[in-house]
Amino acid sequence: MDPLVLDMVNEGQVTAADFERTANPKRPVRLTDATTDTLIQRYETRLGERAAHADAGGQTSHRRIIELQVRRLARLVLGEAKTYQPFLQ
């Protein structure tokens, strides 16, 4: 998610004008609805992009990579694996 947000900032898709103050002291600043929609759209696009992952045997979507990484973590937690290998692109 961080690279996506940084790309949006660097491309000028997120600026200070895309934030608004609220009356909620626990959440004093939030993204505007339009910017939230843009962020979600870009995230969904990113999930559909493909990258190589060893467990998939080649190229697969980022959505699938998240699932594969969760399975790796589960194997570690269940004691079926001794180490966790992060996905590094």
N, C-alpha and C. Protein backbone atom coordinates (compact mmCIF):
# COMPACT_ATOMS: atom_id res chain seq x y z
N MET A 1 0.82 -1.19 0.00
CA MET A 1 0.00 0.00 0.00
C MET A 1 0.86 1.25 0.00
N ASP A 2 1.97 1.25 0.76
CA ASP A 2 2.82 2.44 0.84
C ASP A 2 3.33 2.87 -0.54
N PRO A 3 3.85 1.94 -1.37
CA PRO A 3 4.32 2.38 -2.70
C PRO A 3 3.19 3.00 -3.53
N LEU A 4 1.99 2.48 -3.40
CA LEU A 4 0.85 3.03 -4.14
C LEU A 4 0.57 4.46 -3.71
N VAL A 5 0.52 4.69 -2.42
CA VAL A 5 0.25 6.04 -1.91
C VAL A 5 1.37 6.99 -2.30
N LEU A 6 2.60 6.54 -2.18
CA LEU A 6 3.73 7.39 -2.57
C LEU A 6 3.68 7.73 -4.06
N ASP A 7 3.32 6.76 -4.89
CA ASP A 7 3.16 7.03 -6.32
C ASP A 7 2.09 8.10 -6.55
N MET A 8 0.98 7.98 -5.84
CA MET A 8 -0.11 8.95 -6.00
C MET A 8 0.33 10.35 -5.58
N VAL A 9 1.10 10.45 -4.51
CA VAL A 9 1.60 11.75 -4.06
C VAL A 9 2.58 12.29 -5.10
N ASN A 10 3.50 11.46 -5.55
CA ASN A 10 4.51 11.91 -6.53
C ASN A 10 3.88 12.30 -7.86
N GLU A 11 2.76 11.68 -8.22
CA GLU A 11 2.06 11.99 -9.47
C GLU A 11 1.08 13.15 -9.31
N GLY A 12 0.98 13.69 -8.10
CA GLY A 12 0.08 14.80 -7.86
C GLY A 12 -1.38 14.40 -7.73
N GLN A 13 -1.65 13.11 -7.56
CA GLN A 13 -3.03 12.66 -7.39
C GLN A 13 -3.52 12.81 -5.96
N VAL A 14 -2.61 12.99 -5.03
CA VAL A 14 -2.96 13.28 -3.64
C VAL A 14 -2.17 14.51 -3.23
N THR A 15 -2.89 15.54 -2.82
CA THR A 15 -2.27 16.79 -2.36
C THR A 15 -2.92 17.18 -1.04
N ALA A 16 -2.46 18.26 -0.46
CA ALA A 16 -3.04 18.76 0.80
C ALA A 16 -4.53 19.05 0.64
N ALA A 17 -4.95 19.42 -0.56
CA ALA A 17 -6.36 19.74 -0.81
C ALA A 17 -7.26 18.50 -0.73
N ASP A 18 -6.65 17.32 -0.75
CA ASP A 18 -7.42 16.07 -0.71
C ASP A 18 -7.72 15.61 0.71
N PHE A 19 -7.36 16.42 1.69
CA PHE A 19 -7.64 16.12 3.09
C PHE A 19 -8.59 17.18 3.63
N GLU A 20 -9.41 16.77 4.58
CA GLU A 20 -10.33 17.71 5.22
C GLU A 20 -10.34 17.49 6.72
N ARG A 21 -10.55 18.57 7.43
CA ARG A 21 -10.63 18.49 8.90
C ARG A 21 -12.02 18.00 9.30
N THR A 22 -12.07 17.30 10.42
CA THR A 22 -13.34 16.83 10.95
C THR A 22 -13.50 17.34 12.38
N ALA A 23 -14.68 17.18 12.92
CA ALA A 23 -14.94 17.57 14.30
C ALA A 23 -14.61 16.44 15.27
N ASN A 24 -14.19 15.31 14.74
CA ASN A 24 -13.89 14.14 15.56
C ASN A 24 -12.45 14.22 16.08
N PRO A 25 -12.26 14.38 17.40
CA PRO A 25 -10.90 14.50 17.93
C PRO A 25 -10.07 13.22 17.76
N LYS A 26 -10.72 12.08 17.59
CA LYS A 26 -9.99 10.83 17.38
C LYS A 26 -9.57 10.66 15.92
N ARG A 27 -10.18 11.42 15.05
CA ARG A 27 -9.85 11.39 13.62
C ARG A 27 -10.00 12.80 13.06
N PRO A 28 -9.07 13.68 13.42
CA PRO A 28 -9.23 15.10 13.08
C PRO A 28 -9.07 15.42 11.60
N VAL A 29 -8.42 14.54 10.85
CA VAL A 29 -8.22 14.77 9.42
C VAL A 29 -8.56 13.49 8.67
N ARG A 30 -9.19 13.65 7.51
CA ARG A 30 -9.52 12.47 6.70
C ARG A 30 -9.39 12.82 5.23
N LEU A 31 -9.30 11.78 4.41
CA LEU A 31 -9.31 11.97 2.96
C LEU A 31 -10.71 12.37 2.51
N THR A 32 -10.79 13.17 1.49
CA THR A 32 -12.10 13.49 0.92
C THR A 32 -12.68 12.23 0.30
N ASP A 33 -13.99 12.22 0.10
CA ASP A 33 -14.64 11.04 -0.49
C ASP A 33 -14.09 10.77 -1.89
N ALA A 34 -13.89 11.81 -2.67
CA ALA A 34 -13.39 11.63 -4.04
C ALA A 34 -11.99 11.02 -4.03
N THR A 35 -11.14 11.47 -3.12
CA THR A 35 -9.78 10.92 -3.04
C THR A 35 -9.81 9.49 -2.54
N THR A 36 -10.69 9.20 -1.61
CA THR A 36 -10.84 7.82 -1.13
C THR A 36 -11.24 6.91 -2.29
N ASP A 37 -12.19 7.36 -3.10
CA ASP A 37 -12.61 6.57 -4.27
C ASP A 37 -11.45 6.34 -5.23
N THR A 38 -10.65 7.36 -5.48
CA THR A 38 -9.49 7.24 -6.36
C THR A 38 -8.48 6.26 -5.79
N LEU A 39 -8.23 6.34 -4.50
CA LEU A 39 -7.29 5.43 -3.84
C LEU A 39 -7.76 3.98 -3.96
N ILE A 40 -9.02 3.75 -3.71
CA ILE A 40 -9.57 2.39 -3.82
C ILE A 40 -9.46 1.89 -5.25
N GLN A 41 -9.77 2.73 -6.21
CA GLN A 41 -9.67 2.34 -7.62
C GLN A 41 -8.23 1.97 -7.98
N ARG A 42 -7.28 2.79 -7.56
CA ARG A 42 -5.86 2.50 -7.83
C ARG A 42 -5.42 1.22 -7.13
N TYR A 43 -5.90 0.98 -5.90
CA TYR A 43 -5.56 -0.24 -5.15
C TYR A 43 -6.10 -1.47 -5.86
N GLU A 44 -7.34 -1.40 -6.32
CA GLU A 44 -7.93 -2.52 -7.05
C GLU A 44 -7.16 -2.82 -8.33
N THR A 45 -6.73 -1.76 -9.01
CA THR A 45 -5.91 -1.94 -10.21
C THR A 45 -4.60 -2.63 -9.86
N ARG A 46 -3.99 -2.18 -8.78
CA ARG A 46 -2.72 -2.77 -8.32
C ARG A 46 -2.89 -4.25 -7.99
N LEU A 47 -3.98 -4.61 -7.35
CA LEU A 47 -4.21 -6.01 -7.01
C LEU A 47 -4.29 -6.90 -8.25
N GLY A 48 -4.71 -6.34 -9.35
CA GLY A 48 -4.81 -7.10 -10.59
C GLY A 48 -3.51 -7.20 -11.36
N GLU A 49 -2.53 -6.36 -11.02
CA GLU A 49 -1.23 -6.43 -11.70
C GLU A 49 -0.51 -7.71 -11.31
N ARG A 50 0.36 -8.16 -12.18
CA ARG A 50 1.01 -9.45 -11.98
C ARG A 50 2.48 -9.29 -11.63
N ALA A 51 2.96 -10.27 -10.86
CA ALA A 51 4.38 -10.32 -10.47
C ALA A 51 4.73 -11.78 -10.26
N ALA A 52 6.01 -12.05 -10.29
CA ALA A 52 6.48 -13.42 -10.09
C ALA A 52 6.48 -13.77 -8.60
N HIS A 53 6.03 -14.97 -8.29
CA HIS A 53 6.02 -15.47 -6.91
C HIS A 53 6.38 -16.95 -6.96
N ALA A 54 7.34 -17.34 -6.14
CA ALA A 54 7.83 -18.72 -6.15
C ALA A 54 6.73 -19.74 -5.89
N ASP A 55 5.84 -19.45 -4.95
CA ASP A 55 4.78 -20.42 -4.61
C ASP A 55 3.77 -20.58 -5.73
N ALA A 56 3.67 -19.60 -6.61
CA ALA A 56 2.73 -19.68 -7.73
C ALA A 56 3.39 -20.31 -8.96
N GLY A 57 4.69 -20.48 -8.89
CA GLY A 57 5.39 -21.07 -10.02
C GLY A 57 5.55 -20.11 -11.19
N GLY A 58 5.46 -18.83 -10.92
CA GLY A 58 5.60 -17.83 -11.99
C GLY A 58 4.78 -16.60 -11.69
N GLN A 59 4.25 -15.99 -12.74
CA GLN A 59 3.47 -14.76 -12.62
C GLN A 59 2.09 -15.04 -12.03
N THR A 60 1.66 -14.15 -11.15
CA THR A 60 0.32 -14.22 -10.58
C THR A 60 -0.08 -12.81 -10.14
N SER A 61 -1.35 -12.62 -9.83
CA SER A 61 -1.83 -11.29 -9.44
C SER A 61 -1.37 -10.95 -8.02
N HIS A 62 -1.32 -9.66 -7.73
CA HIS A 62 -0.97 -9.24 -6.38
C HIS A 62 -2.03 -9.72 -5.38
N ARG A 63 -3.27 -9.82 -5.82
CA ARG A 63 -4.32 -10.35 -4.94
C ARG A 63 -3.97 -11.77 -4.50
N ARG A 64 -3.50 -12.58 -5.45
CA ARG A 64 -3.10 -13.97 -5.15
C ARG A 64 -1.83 -13.99 -4.30
N ILE A 65 -0.92 -13.05 -4.55
CA ILE A 65 0.31 -12.99 -3.76
C ILE A 65 -0.02 -12.74 -2.29
N ILE A 66 -0.99 -11.89 -2.01
CA ILE A 66 -1.41 -11.66 -0.62
C ILE A 66 -1.87 -12.97 0.00
N GLU A 67 -2.67 -13.73 -0.73
CA GLU A 67 -3.14 -15.03 -0.22
C GLU A 67 -1.97 -15.97 0.03
N LEU A 68 -1.04 -16.03 -0.90
CA LEU A 68 0.12 -16.92 -0.74
C LEU A 68 0.96 -16.52 0.47
N GLN A 69 1.12 -15.23 0.70
CA GLN A 69 1.89 -14.77 1.85
C GLN A 69 1.17 -15.08 3.16
N VAL A 70 -0.15 -14.97 3.17
CA VAL A 70 -0.92 -15.33 4.36
C VAL A 70 -0.76 -16.82 4.65
N ARG A 71 -0.75 -17.64 3.62
CA ARG A 71 -0.55 -19.08 3.80
C ARG A 71 0.84 -19.37 4.36
N ARG A 72 1.86 -18.64 3.89
CA ARG A 72 3.21 -18.80 4.45
C ARG A 72 3.23 -18.45 5.93
N LEU A 73 2.58 -17.36 6.28
CA LEU A 73 2.53 -16.94 7.67
C LEU A 73 1.78 -17.96 8.52
N ALA A 74 0.69 -18.49 8.00
CA ALA A 74 -0.09 -19.51 8.72
C ALA A 74 0.77 -20.75 8.99
N ARG A 75 1.56 -21.17 7.98
CA ARG A 75 2.42 -22.34 8.18
C ARG A 75 3.43 -22.08 9.30
N LEU A 76 3.93 -20.86 9.39
CA LEU A 76 4.86 -20.51 10.46
C LEU A 76 4.16 -20.57 11.82
N VAL A 77 3.01 -19.95 11.91
CA VAL A 77 2.26 -19.91 13.17
C VAL A 77 1.86 -21.31 13.63
N LEU A 78 1.51 -22.17 12.69
CA LEU A 78 1.10 -23.54 13.01
C LEU A 78 2.28 -24.47 13.26
N GLY A 79 3.49 -23.97 13.11
CA GLY A 79 4.67 -24.78 13.33
C GLY A 79 5.04 -25.67 12.16
N GLU A 80 4.43 -25.46 11.02
CA GLU A 80 4.72 -26.27 9.83
C GLU A 80 5.93 -25.73 9.06
N ALA A 81 6.36 -24.52 9.39
CA ALA A 81 7.53 -23.91 8.77
C ALA A 81 8.36 -23.27 9.87
N LYS A 82 9.67 -23.24 9.66
CA LYS A 82 10.55 -22.66 10.67
C LYS A 82 10.84 -21.19 10.42
N THR A 83 10.68 -20.75 9.18
CA THR A 83 10.95 -19.36 8.82
C THR A 83 9.84 -18.83 7.93
N TYR A 84 9.77 -17.52 7.87
CA TYR A 84 8.83 -16.84 6.99
C TYR A 84 9.62 -16.10 5.93
N GLN A 85 9.30 -16.34 4.67
CA GLN A 85 9.97 -15.64 3.58
C GLN A 85 9.05 -14.55 3.07
N PRO A 86 9.44 -13.28 3.25
CA PRO A 86 8.60 -12.18 2.79
C PRO A 86 8.61 -12.09 1.26
N PHE A 87 7.60 -11.45 0.72
CA PHE A 87 7.56 -11.19 -0.72
C PHE A 87 8.26 -9.86 -0.95
N LEU A 88 9.33 -9.92 -1.69
CA LEU A 88 10.08 -8.71 -2.03
C LEU A 88 10.08 -8.56 -3.52
N GLN A 89 9.61 -7.44 -3.98
CA GLN A 89 9.52 -7.24 -5.42
C GLN A 89 10.66 -6.43 -5.94
